[in-house]
């Protein structure tokens, strides 16, 4: 009876009155002890109200029904395909929507709708993958910042591939604890390339030099990332190889940083020889075995003298104690290798000598910075002790 009266009254009421009455009807459906007939009539009335020309009425339905498991599925599904402002509330909160529905809506919806789905609590991997694949940058950022979303590593990689040039995306990815080393390196590559294009477009650097700076910055970052996550060296190197970034410069940098493990894994990746065998060859003093391994890895013959000198320096020891750990070039080792290679005839080795000179400059600057930081830190401790004694 009440629903019948409502249906007669709603035909002449204003939009605001209809919206208020619709909200009351939806609450009665969810929480009142209605008879079976009245319950069915209320559901029918709400389905009818989906055709109301005023969005206020449909918004009232969404506001009341969005979070409830007892809402009529037909109403929820219709609201999920309504205009973005109405659909967003249902898409973000309704427990009645299944993953297949959400994936379809992500594929066809506008950025506001995609963002609402990305905010869902307990978002499943399949839906997260859809957002990562076709979602807007805003939706992908919301997804990354959703602590209750189940995001597969390949979805994070896809977001990095699509939007890694955006600072907000990079920060959100790096803030996560589940990001593998290869993904972090891909972010560095995206940022470096964006910076290179920026400075080249403004003629601050010529394009060729800008690309060289980017290449060496990415190599430095890869060695640093590998040093921070030694257990992920294999996947990182596979990623670098697949993206044509596993260069002789990167491998030489790893060795000159004292990161022998990364150097060995790189040779194993390139040569196809098991890591244990590579390790034995590298630590064997015989030059013939290493030269065969070096050639098998496809590294250029012109760079061989640098690797031979670096391995000789490591065999003598004393370089591991230099400042910076295994993520920074060792100055004395670089200078030793540079001196050893300088005696070769200029020609094919000239690019190698130029690279080693840049390494030497970088190592000297890094060592000076670390040394100065250490002095300042030590002096700060002494000053604090003096102040404490004076206060006492």
Foldseek 3Di string as FASTA:
>chain_A
DVLVVVVVVLVPDDLVVLQVVLLVLLCCLVDNPDDPVSNVSSLVVLVVQLPPPDVSNLQSNQVRPQQDPSRDPVSLLSQCPDPLVRNLSNLQHHPSDDLVSLLVCQQVDDQSNLLSNLQHAQAEAVNLLSCLQRHDLNSVLSNLVRPRYDHDQVSLLSNCVVPLCDPSSLVSQVVDPPHALQSPLSSLLSPLVVVLVVCCVVVVDPSVVSVVVSLVSSLLSSQVSCQVPVVRLLVNLVSCVVVVNLAPLSLLQLLQLVVVVSNLSNLCVQLVDDSVVSVVQLPDPDPVSVVVSCVSSVHDPLCVLLVNQSSVVVVVDDQCPAPDHSSAGRQVSLVSSLVRSVPDDPDSNVVVNVSSVVSNVRRVVVSVVVVVVVVVVVVVVVVVVVVVVVVD
